[in-house]
N, C-alpha and C. Protein backbone atom coordinates (compact mmCIF):
# COMPACT_ATOMS: atom_id res chain seq x y z
N MET A 1 -8.11 12.54 -12.96
CA MET A 1 -7.78 11.27 -12.35
C MET A 1 -9.37 11.05 -11.70
N ALA A 2 -9.65 10.11 -12.28
CA ALA A 2 -11.10 9.59 -11.70
C ALA A 2 -11.41 8.68 -10.43
N THR A 3 -11.45 9.22 -9.12
CA THR A 3 -11.41 8.33 -8.49
C THR A 3 -12.33 8.47 -7.41
N GLN A 4 -12.98 7.67 -6.53
CA GLN A 4 -13.63 8.03 -5.91
C GLN A 4 -13.36 7.66 -4.41
N ILE A 5 -13.75 8.24 -3.58
CA ILE A 5 -13.27 8.23 -1.85
C ILE A 5 -14.15 6.90 -1.70
N GLU A 6 -13.70 6.03 -1.18
CA GLU A 6 -13.38 4.61 -0.13
C GLU A 6 -13.84 4.89 1.38
N ARG A 7 -12.93 5.22 1.66
CA ARG A 7 -13.04 5.64 3.34
C ARG A 7 -11.99 6.82 3.55
N ASP A 8 -12.49 7.52 4.38
CA ASP A 8 -12.11 9.04 4.75
C ASP A 8 -11.52 8.86 5.99
N THR A 9 -10.32 9.33 6.65
CA THR A 9 -10.33 9.15 8.10
C THR A 9 -9.03 10.05 8.27
N GLU A 10 -8.99 10.55 9.35
CA GLU A 10 -7.84 11.90 9.85
C GLU A 10 -6.37 11.02 9.66
N ILE A 11 -6.38 9.75 9.63
CA ILE A 11 -5.05 8.99 9.89
C ILE A 11 -4.84 8.13 8.08
N TYR A 12 -5.78 8.57 7.17
CA TYR A 12 -5.34 7.42 5.77
C TYR A 12 -6.75 7.88 5.25
N THR A 13 -6.56 7.81 3.73
CA THR A 13 -8.00 8.29 2.83
C THR A 13 -7.42 6.57 1.79
N ILE A 14 -8.68 6.21 1.36
CA ILE A 14 -8.73 5.52 0.63
C ILE A 14 -9.68 5.43 -0.74
N GLU A 15 -8.94 5.52 -1.48
CA GLU A 15 -9.66 5.64 -2.98
C GLU A 15 -9.84 4.07 -4.09
N TRP A 16 -10.60 4.66 -4.91
CA TRP A 16 -10.74 3.77 -5.79
C TRP A 16 -10.62 4.99 -7.21
N ASP A 17 -8.90 4.59 -8.27
CA ASP A 17 -9.07 5.00 -9.33
C ASP A 17 -9.15 4.25 -10.55
N ASP A 18 -10.31 4.50 -11.29
CA ASP A 18 -10.93 4.30 -12.27
C ASP A 18 -10.17 4.23 -13.50
N GLU A 19 -8.81 4.50 -13.45
CA GLU A 19 -8.11 4.98 -14.51
C GLU A 19 -7.09 4.33 -14.44
N ILE A 20 -6.74 3.46 -13.46
CA ILE A 20 -5.66 2.63 -13.62
C ILE A 20 -5.89 1.00 -13.61
N PRO A 21 -6.57 0.70 -13.33
CA PRO A 21 -7.77 0.56 -11.90
C PRO A 21 -7.27 0.00 -10.85
N ALA A 22 -7.73 0.85 -10.01
CA ALA A 22 -6.50 0.30 -8.60
C ALA A 22 -7.12 0.72 -7.22
N VAL A 23 -6.74 0.45 -5.83
CA VAL A 23 -7.33 0.89 -5.05
C VAL A 23 -6.11 2.07 -4.27
N VAL A 24 -6.56 3.16 -4.20
CA VAL A 24 -5.27 3.76 -3.41
C VAL A 24 -5.51 4.08 -1.91
N HIS A 25 -4.28 3.80 -1.64
CA HIS A 25 -4.60 3.70 -0.27
C HIS A 25 -3.05 4.75 0.54
N THR A 26 -3.84 6.24 1.17
CA THR A 26 -2.47 7.20 1.33
C THR A 26 -2.61 7.43 3.22
N TRP A 27 -1.87 7.22 3.24
CA TRP A 27 -1.33 7.55 4.80
C TRP A 27 -1.08 8.53 5.49
N ASP A 28 -1.93 9.51 5.57
CA ASP A 28 -2.01 10.90 6.38
C ASP A 28 -0.93 11.12 7.36
N GLU A 29 -1.05 10.70 8.48
CA GLU A 29 -0.55 10.39 9.58
C GLU A 29 -0.18 9.16 9.88
N PHE A 30 1.04 9.34 10.73
CA PHE A 30 1.60 8.21 11.14
C PHE A 30 1.02 6.84 12.03
N ALA A 31 0.72 5.76 11.66
CA ALA A 31 0.29 5.09 12.53
C ALA A 31 0.52 3.97 13.25
N ALA A 32 0.64 3.25 14.18
CA ALA A 32 0.99 2.04 14.27
C ALA A 32 0.38 1.14 15.91
N GLY A 33 0.70 -0.45 15.58
CA GLY A 33 -0.09 -1.26 16.26
C GLY A 33 -1.24 -1.12 15.74
N GLU A 34 -2.12 -1.17 16.58
CA GLU A 34 -3.82 -1.74 16.33
C GLU A 34 -3.88 -0.70 15.27
N THR A 35 -3.93 1.12 15.27
CA THR A 35 -4.42 2.10 14.47
C THR A 35 -4.04 1.45 13.12
N PHE A 36 -2.96 1.21 12.38
CA PHE A 36 -2.29 1.06 11.70
C PHE A 36 -3.19 -0.41 10.80
N ARG A 37 -3.15 -1.56 12.02
CA ARG A 37 -4.06 -2.62 11.39
C ARG A 37 -5.35 -2.41 11.22
N GLU A 38 -5.57 -1.41 11.83
CA GLU A 38 -7.01 -1.37 11.31
C GLU A 38 -7.38 -0.67 10.36
N GLY A 39 -6.26 0.78 10.22
CA GLY A 39 -6.16 1.21 8.72
C GLY A 39 -6.11 0.08 7.19
N CYS A 40 -4.86 -1.03 7.55
CA CYS A 40 -5.05 -1.95 6.43
C CYS A 40 -6.41 -3.36 6.30
N ALA A 41 -7.45 -3.19 7.49
CA ALA A 41 -8.31 -4.02 7.61
C ALA A 41 -9.30 -3.08 6.63
N ALA A 42 -9.31 -1.52 7.30
CA ALA A 42 -10.01 -1.20 5.92
C ALA A 42 -9.56 -1.28 4.30
N LEU A 43 -8.25 -1.27 4.17
CA LEU A 43 -7.91 -1.76 3.21
C LEU A 43 -8.20 -2.50 2.02
N LEU A 44 -8.26 -3.57 3.16
CA LEU A 44 -8.59 -4.65 2.53
C LEU A 44 -9.99 -5.48 2.56
N ASP A 45 -10.88 -4.65 3.23
CA ASP A 45 -12.10 -4.01 2.84
C ASP A 45 -12.99 -3.93 1.39
N VAL A 46 -11.87 -3.12 0.84
CA VAL A 46 -12.16 -1.60 0.02
C VAL A 46 -11.24 -2.84 -1.52
N ILE A 47 -10.17 -3.61 -1.22
CA ILE A 47 -10.04 -4.28 -1.83
C ILE A 47 -11.39 -5.56 -2.29
N GLU A 48 -11.80 -6.22 -1.24
CA GLU A 48 -12.27 -7.09 -1.59
C GLU A 48 -13.84 -6.62 -2.09
N GLU A 49 -13.86 -5.27 -2.12
CA GLU A 49 -15.49 -4.81 -2.07
C GLU A 49 -15.15 -4.60 -3.97
N ARG A 50 -13.99 -4.17 -4.14
CA ARG A 50 -13.68 -3.70 -5.60
C ARG A 50 -13.28 -4.93 -6.39
N ASP A 51 -13.04 -5.84 -5.75
CA ASP A 51 -12.33 -7.00 -6.47
C ASP A 51 -11.37 -6.58 -6.96
N ALA A 52 -10.27 -5.85 -6.56
CA ALA A 52 -9.06 -5.07 -7.09
C ALA A 52 -7.58 -6.01 -7.17
N GLU A 53 -7.27 -6.00 -8.44
CA GLU A 53 -6.17 -6.51 -8.83
C GLU A 53 -4.76 -6.01 -8.07
N LYS A 54 -4.90 -4.60 -8.07
CA LYS A 54 -3.60 -3.58 -8.05
C LYS A 54 -4.27 -2.51 -6.87
N MET A 55 -3.05 -2.30 -6.15
CA MET A 55 -3.00 -1.34 -5.16
C MET A 55 -1.84 -0.65 -5.42
N LEU A 56 -1.94 0.88 -4.63
CA LEU A 56 -1.11 1.89 -4.54
C LEU A 56 -1.25 2.16 -3.30
N VAL A 57 -0.09 2.07 -2.74
CA VAL A 57 0.37 2.42 -1.21
C VAL A 57 0.98 3.70 -1.07
N ASP A 58 0.50 5.29 -0.47
CA ASP A 58 1.33 6.29 -0.64
C ASP A 58 2.04 6.61 0.96
N THR A 59 2.85 5.90 1.26
CA THR A 59 3.43 6.40 2.84
C THR A 59 4.29 7.85 2.31
N SER A 60 4.21 8.16 1.55
CA SER A 60 5.14 9.50 1.71
C SER A 60 5.14 11.18 2.67
N GLY A 61 4.08 10.67 3.28
CA GLY A 61 3.88 11.57 4.58
C GLY A 61 3.85 10.71 5.67
N ILE A 62 4.92 9.99 5.98
CA ILE A 62 4.72 9.01 7.16
C ILE A 62 5.97 8.88 7.26
N GLN A 63 6.37 8.56 8.34
CA GLN A 63 7.70 7.70 8.88
C GLN A 63 7.59 6.28 9.03
N ALA A 64 8.89 5.30 8.95
CA ALA A 64 9.07 4.32 8.58
C ALA A 64 8.30 3.28 9.74
N HIS A 65 7.43 2.49 9.41
CA HIS A 65 6.90 1.38 10.68
C HIS A 65 8.01 0.86 11.54
N ASP A 66 7.65 0.17 12.74
CA ASP A 66 8.74 -0.53 13.80
C ASP A 66 8.46 -2.06 13.19
N GLU A 67 9.63 -2.24 13.50
CA GLU A 67 9.56 -4.33 13.32
C GLU A 67 8.35 -4.97 13.30
N GLU A 68 7.43 -4.75 14.53
CA GLU A 68 6.46 -5.21 14.79
C GLU A 68 5.55 -5.16 13.78
N ASP A 69 5.54 -4.24 13.32
CA ASP A 69 4.61 -3.61 11.98
C ASP A 69 5.17 -4.30 11.04
N LYS A 70 6.40 -4.12 10.51
CA LYS A 70 6.77 -4.90 9.37
C LYS A 70 6.79 -6.75 9.31
N THR A 71 7.05 -6.70 10.54
CA THR A 71 6.53 -8.57 10.27
C THR A 71 5.43 -8.99 10.42
N TRP A 72 4.33 -7.90 10.93
CA TRP A 72 2.87 -8.53 10.82
C TRP A 72 2.90 -8.14 8.91
N LEU A 73 3.08 -7.11 8.35
CA LEU A 73 3.07 -6.60 7.28
C LEU A 73 3.08 -8.17 6.20
N GLN A 74 4.49 -8.43 6.67
CA GLN A 74 5.25 -9.66 6.13
C GLN A 74 4.41 -10.94 5.82
N ASP A 75 4.37 -11.39 7.40
CA ASP A 75 3.71 -12.46 7.53
C ASP A 75 1.98 -12.70 7.24
N GLU A 76 1.23 -11.98 7.63
CA GLU A 76 -0.07 -11.51 7.50
C GLU A 76 -0.58 -11.00 6.72
N TRP A 77 -0.69 -9.49 6.50
CA TRP A 77 -1.29 -8.48 5.89
C TRP A 77 -0.99 -9.00 3.78
N ILE A 78 0.29 -9.31 3.59
CA ILE A 78 0.61 -9.17 2.36
C ILE A 78 -0.08 -10.65 1.80
N PRO A 79 -0.24 -11.62 2.93
CA PRO A 79 -0.50 -13.20 1.91
C PRO A 79 -2.36 -12.97 1.63
N ARG A 80 -2.54 -11.86 2.84
CA ARG A 80 -4.30 -11.78 2.90
C ARG A 80 -4.48 -10.98 1.54
N THR A 81 -3.94 -9.93 1.14
CA THR A 81 -3.96 -9.22 0.17
C THR A 81 -3.92 -10.07 -1.41
N MET A 82 -2.98 -11.27 -0.73
CA MET A 82 -2.89 -11.70 -2.26
C MET A 82 -4.14 -12.90 -2.21
N GLU A 83 -5.18 -13.41 -1.16
CA GLU A 83 -5.81 -14.13 -1.24
C GLU A 83 -6.88 -13.34 -1.52
N ALA A 84 -6.82 -11.97 -1.54
CA ALA A 84 -8.07 -11.24 -1.63
C ALA A 84 -8.01 -10.60 -3.32
N GLY A 85 -7.08 -10.89 -4.04
CA GLY A 85 -6.75 -10.83 -5.20
C GLY A 85 -6.11 -9.84 -6.39
N ILE A 86 -4.85 -8.87 -4.75
CA ILE A 86 -4.21 -8.40 -5.53
C ILE A 86 -3.17 -9.17 -6.42
N LYS A 87 -2.38 -8.79 -7.23
CA LYS A 87 -1.50 -9.31 -8.16
C LYS A 87 -0.38 -8.39 -8.51
N ALA A 88 -0.52 -7.08 -8.23
CA ALA A 88 0.51 -5.79 -8.27
C ALA A 88 0.47 -4.86 -7.51
N SER A 89 1.12 -4.24 -6.48
CA SER A 89 1.36 -3.93 -5.66
C SER A 89 2.35 -2.38 -6.03
N VAL A 90 2.45 -1.43 -5.39
CA VAL A 90 3.16 -0.45 -6.00
C VAL A 90 3.53 0.82 -4.43
N THR A 91 4.50 1.08 -3.73
CA THR A 91 4.45 2.00 -2.55
C THR A 91 5.57 3.11 -2.90
N VAL A 92 4.81 4.49 -2.52
CA VAL A 92 5.42 5.68 -2.75
C VAL A 92 5.94 5.72 -1.10
N PRO A 93 7.58 5.68 -0.66
CA PRO A 93 8.03 6.14 0.49
C PRO A 93 8.31 7.56 0.51
N GLN A 94 8.11 7.52 2.36
CA GLN A 94 8.55 8.93 2.33
C GLN A 94 10.14 9.64 1.58
N ASP A 95 10.08 10.72 1.79
CA ASP A 95 11.58 11.11 0.69
C ASP A 95 12.28 11.07 1.73
N SER A 96 12.88 10.08 2.21
CA SER A 96 14.44 10.14 2.81
C SER A 96 14.93 8.69 2.57
N VAL A 97 16.60 8.91 3.27
CA VAL A 97 17.40 7.46 2.57
C VAL A 97 16.48 6.58 3.44
N ILE A 98 16.61 6.82 4.90
CA ILE A 98 16.44 5.85 6.01
C ILE A 98 14.94 5.21 5.35
N ALA A 99 14.01 6.11 5.48
CA ALA A 99 12.70 5.23 4.50
C ALA A 99 12.86 4.35 3.33
N LYS A 100 13.32 4.92 2.32
CA LYS A 100 13.38 4.25 1.39
C LYS A 100 14.41 3.13 1.76
N MET A 101 15.57 3.05 2.09
CA MET A 101 16.22 1.70 2.63
C MET A 101 15.69 1.14 3.45
N ASP A 102 14.58 1.29 4.27
CA ASP A 102 13.50 0.69 5.23
C ASP A 102 12.39 0.03 4.48
N LEU A 103 12.07 0.67 3.19
CA LEU A 103 11.44 -0.19 2.43
C LEU A 103 12.00 -0.88 1.70
N GLU A 104 13.01 -0.49 0.73
CA GLU A 104 13.79 -1.34 0.18
C GLU A 104 14.20 -2.60 0.75
N ASN A 105 14.11 -2.94 2.25
CA ASN A 105 14.53 -4.19 2.85
C ASN A 105 13.46 -4.80 3.04
N PHE A 106 12.47 -4.05 3.03
CA PHE A 106 11.03 -5.11 3.25
C PHE A 106 11.00 -5.95 2.28
N MET A 107 11.07 -4.95 0.66
CA MET A 107 10.59 -5.39 -0.38
C MET A 107 11.28 -6.54 -0.56
N ASN A 108 12.72 -6.69 0.15
CA ASN A 108 13.62 -7.87 -0.39
C ASN A 108 13.05 -8.93 0.38
N GLU A 109 12.58 -8.70 1.16
CA GLU A 109 12.17 -10.13 2.56
C GLU A 109 10.47 -10.62 1.90
N VAL A 110 10.03 -10.07 1.14
CA VAL A 110 8.65 -10.21 0.10
C VAL A 110 8.96 -10.91 -1.03
N GLU A 111 10.22 -10.62 -1.71
CA GLU A 111 10.13 -11.09 -2.86
C GLU A 111 9.82 -12.39 -3.08
N GLU A 112 9.93 -13.59 -2.13
CA GLU A 112 9.11 -14.83 -2.71
C GLU A 112 7.67 -14.57 -2.78
N TYR A 113 7.05 -13.76 -2.74
CA TYR A 113 5.47 -13.78 -2.81
C TYR A 113 5.21 -13.74 -4.24
N ASP A 114 4.20 -14.57 -4.99
CA ASP A 114 3.90 -14.57 -6.08
C ASP A 114 3.06 -13.29 -6.68
N TYR A 115 3.50 -12.27 -6.50
CA TYR A 115 3.02 -11.26 -7.00
C TYR A 115 3.80 -9.98 -7.08
N LYS A 116 3.77 -8.97 -8.18
CA LYS A 116 4.43 -8.18 -8.68
C LYS A 116 4.81 -6.44 -7.32
N SER A 117 5.59 -6.41 -6.95
CA SER A 117 5.82 -5.51 -6.22
C SER A 117 7.01 -4.33 -6.45
N THR A 118 6.61 -3.02 -6.46
CA THR A 118 7.87 -2.31 -6.33
C THR A 118 7.93 -1.18 -5.52
N MET A 119 8.92 -0.46 -5.69
CA MET A 119 8.86 0.88 -4.78
C MET A 119 8.88 2.36 -5.79
N VAL A 120 8.17 3.06 -5.88
CA VAL A 120 8.79 4.47 -6.73
C VAL A 120 8.67 5.46 -5.82
N GLU A 121 9.42 6.68 -7.04
CA GLU A 121 9.48 8.05 -6.23
C GLU A 121 8.60 8.96 -5.38
N SER A 122 7.38 8.71 -6.85
CA SER A 122 6.48 9.47 -6.30
C SER A 122 4.89 8.68 -6.97
N VAL A 123 3.11 9.24 -6.40
CA VAL A 123 2.44 8.89 -7.08
C VAL A 123 2.18 8.60 -8.26
N PRO A 124 2.57 9.86 -9.05
CA PRO A 124 2.68 9.75 -10.72
C PRO A 124 3.24 9.00 -11.43
N GLU A 125 4.36 8.40 -10.72
CA GLU A 125 5.14 7.46 -11.14
C GLU A 125 4.86 5.65 -10.96
N ALA A 126 3.78 6.04 -9.72
CA ALA A 126 3.50 4.88 -9.00
C ALA A 126 2.00 4.64 -10.47
N ARG A 127 1.54 5.45 -10.31
CA ARG A 127 0.26 5.60 -11.37
C ARG A 127 0.71 4.89 -12.46
N GLU A 128 1.60 5.43 -13.16
CA GLU A 128 2.33 5.03 -14.49
C GLU A 128 2.90 3.27 -14.60
N TRP A 129 3.20 3.15 -13.47
CA TRP A 129 3.83 1.85 -13.05
C TRP A 129 2.48 0.64 -13.24
N LEU A 130 1.58 0.84 -12.42
CA LEU A 130 0.59 0.08 -12.34
C LEU A 130 -0.19 0.19 -13.82
N SER A 131 -0.27 0.88 -14.32
CA SER A 131 -1.24 1.43 -15.36
C SER A 131 -0.29 0.06 -16.44
N ASP A 132 0.65 0.33 -16.65
CA ASP A 132 1.25 -1.28 -17.09
C ASP A 132 1.44 -2.59 -16.55
N GLN A 133 0.59 -2.74 -15.42
CA GLN A 133 0.40 -4.41 -14.77
C GLN A 133 -0.79 -4.76 -15.41
């Protein structure tokens, strides 16, 4: 896997993966509110710098977002990523029934947006899905 680290903090890592080609954002620790939004802003910066059309978000190491952050993601974040050029997004949730149900509900809420998005079980599966997009 040919990746280049773009941002690296205690809370998240953002990489560019030439093989798929996509921005890969891994949440290493739980973040909420302003800290979460700062991580998302860093991701948006990399999307714009790389002129990325695809992104992989790995949330497998953290718990689900609260309602305020989910609303912000739906109403503000996703439209901003689309404006920046994202056409396909894949998310890897935490391996728990609650996290997966939470993400499925969120994905249903954002179906109206004109871009491809899905949820998969693992990062290798996410990379494969993005490769096909």
